[in-house]
Amino acid sequence: MYPKNPSLPKGMDIHDWMDTKKKQFPNHLQVHSPYGAVYKMMFFRKEKTFLGSYISCSAYIRQIDSKSIELAEMASIINYSDYTKSVGRYNKGGDLGPMSEKERTEILLPCIEEFLEPPGSKE
């Protein structure tokens, strides 16, 4: 569970908010809605690793009341571009398994926070 779940902008529901996110990150965000007012997202960070690999994170997002959303079952992956390294899950969270506090702080949370940036803040 994300510790600082955001509030929805006034007048928006989760569907409006996700449409805004898709427009904000057209090449970095993959989203689908498995049911109702729940979305599964995968976000690829703009910043790459020193090997040129992408860091991605995923989460389920649901609206918990008229003003708030909740991110749960968060996970992160580094997609290696160096084929001498094992291609697999570098870092796991949520339903995929435990992660260290260092991995959570250095990989997962910065990815989630980049996804949560308001439109226009660092574009």
Protein backbone atom coordinates (compact mmCIF):
# COMPACT_ATOMS: atom_id res chain seq x y z
CA MET A 1 0.00 0.00 0.00
CA TYR A 2 1.30 3.44 -0.92
CA PRO A 3 1.80 5.51 2.27
CA LYS A 4 0.71 8.90 0.80
CA ASN A 5 -2.37 8.15 -1.29
CA PRO A 6 -3.32 11.24 -3.29
CA SER A 7 -6.53 13.20 -3.39
CA LEU A 8 -8.42 13.56 -6.64
CA PRO A 9 -8.59 17.04 -8.16
CA LYS A 10 -11.91 18.76 -7.52
CA GLY A 11 -14.60 17.60 -9.93
CA MET A 12 -12.71 14.48 -11.07
CA ASP A 13 -13.39 10.83 -10.49
CA ILE A 14 -10.86 8.04 -11.02
CA HIS A 15 -11.79 7.69 -14.70
CA ASP A 16 -11.16 11.39 -15.41
CA TRP A 17 -7.91 11.24 -13.45
CA MET A 18 -6.66 8.17 -15.34
CA ASP A 19 -7.52 9.82 -18.69
CA THR A 20 -5.42 12.81 -17.60
CA LYS A 21 -2.53 10.49 -16.67
CA LYS A 22 -2.71 8.72 -20.04
CA LYS A 23 -2.44 12.11 -21.79
CA GLN A 24 0.36 13.23 -19.45
CA PHE A 25 2.46 10.09 -20.08
CA PRO A 26 1.43 8.78 -23.53
CA ASN A 27 4.66 6.81 -24.05
CA HIS A 28 5.38 5.81 -20.46
CA LEU A 29 2.07 4.46 -19.16
CA GLN A 30 0.10 1.30 -19.85
CA VAL A 31 -3.32 1.06 -18.22
CA HIS A 32 -6.26 -1.29 -18.21
CA SER A 33 -9.36 -1.54 -16.05
CA PRO A 34 -10.01 -5.13 -14.97
CA TYR A 35 -13.32 -4.15 -13.35
CA GLY A 36 -15.42 -1.18 -12.26
CA ALA A 37 -13.48 1.71 -10.78
CA VAL A 38 -10.16 -0.18 -10.52
CA TYR A 39 -7.17 0.28 -12.81
CA LYS A 40 -3.98 -1.70 -13.22
CA MET A 41 -1.13 0.53 -14.35
CA MET A 42 2.46 -0.02 -15.45
CA PHE A 43 4.59 3.10 -15.62
CA PHE A 44 8.04 3.34 -17.22
CA ARG A 45 10.26 6.02 -15.72
CA LYS A 46 11.86 8.65 -17.94
CA GLU A 47 15.19 8.20 -16.16
CA LYS A 48 17.09 5.07 -17.16
CA THR A 49 19.65 3.00 -15.27
CA PHE A 50 23.36 3.40 -16.04
CA LEU A 51 22.96 0.47 -18.50
CA GLY A 52 20.19 2.23 -20.40
CA SER A 53 17.48 0.01 -18.93
CA TYR A 54 14.02 1.16 -18.00
CA ILE A 55 12.73 1.07 -14.45
CA SER A 56 9.02 0.36 -14.32
CA CYS A 57 6.48 0.12 -11.57
CA SER A 58 2.96 -1.18 -11.39
CA ALA A 59 0.04 -0.87 -9.03
CA TYR A 60 -3.68 -1.31 -8.73
CA ILE A 61 -5.45 2.02 -8.33
CA ARG A 62 -8.95 2.35 -6.98
CA GLN A 63 -11.16 5.18 -5.82
CA ILE A 64 -11.83 4.81 -2.09
CA ASP A 65 -14.22 7.75 -1.67
CA SER A 66 -15.30 10.82 -3.63
CA LYS A 67 -11.98 12.58 -2.97
CA SER A 68 -9.27 9.91 -2.73
CA ILE A 69 -7.61 7.08 -4.58
CA GLU A 70 -5.56 4.21 -3.20
CA LEU A 71 -2.51 2.51 -4.74
CA ALA A 72 -2.03 -1.11 -3.72
CA GLU A 73 -0.04 -4.20 -4.72
CA MET A 74 2.85 -2.08 -5.96
CA ALA A 75 5.82 -3.72 -7.69
CA SER A 76 8.88 -2.57 -9.61
CA ILE A 77 11.05 -4.14 -12.29
CA ILE A 78 14.29 -3.18 -14.02
CA ASN A 79 14.32 -4.33 -17.64
CA TYR A 80 17.98 -4.99 -18.35
CA SER A 81 19.43 -4.02 -21.71
CA ASP A 82 22.64 -5.89 -20.84
CA TYR A 83 21.91 -9.47 -21.87
CA THR A 84 24.79 -10.81 -19.75
CA LYS A 85 22.58 -10.12 -16.74
CA SER A 86 19.67 -12.24 -15.70
CA VAL A 87 16.44 -10.92 -17.17
CA GLY A 88 13.86 -11.16 -14.46
CA ARG A 89 12.39 -9.37 -11.57
CA TYR A 90 15.03 -7.23 -9.89
CA ASN A 91 12.78 -5.97 -7.20
CA LYS A 92 9.41 -7.13 -6.05
CA GLY A 93 6.61 -5.79 -3.91
CA GLY A 94 2.95 -6.24 -3.20
CA ASP A 95 1.61 -9.59 -4.31
CA LEU A 96 4.94 -10.55 -5.92
CA GLY A 97 6.89 -10.84 -2.67
CA PRO A 98 8.92 -8.85 -0.16
CA MET A 99 11.51 -6.18 -0.91
CA SER A 100 14.13 -4.52 1.22
CA GLU A 101 13.58 -1.01 2.53
CA LYS A 102 16.48 0.17 0.36
CA GLU A 103 14.90 -1.27 -2.82
CA ARG A 104 11.52 0.19 -1.88
CA THR A 105 13.05 3.63 -1.21
CA GLU A 106 15.47 3.77 -4.16
CA ILE A 107 13.48 2.03 -6.92
CA LEU A 108 9.77 1.58 -6.21
CA LEU A 109 8.75 4.83 -4.50
CA PRO A 110 10.56 7.21 -6.92
CA CYS A 111 8.79 5.47 -9.80
CA ILE A 112 5.37 5.76 -8.15
CA GLU A 113 6.06 9.40 -7.25
CA GLU A 114 7.02 10.23 -10.85
CA PHE A 115 3.72 8.70 -11.99
CA LEU A 116 1.83 10.80 -9.42
CA GLU A 117 3.41 14.12 -10.47
CA PRO A 118 0.73 16.62 -11.50
CA PRO A 119 0.57 17.40 -15.24
CA GLY A 120 3.06 20.08 -16.27
CA SER A 121 5.18 19.86 -13.12
CA LYS A 122 8.37 18.53 -14.78
CA GLU A 123 7.49 18.11 -18.42
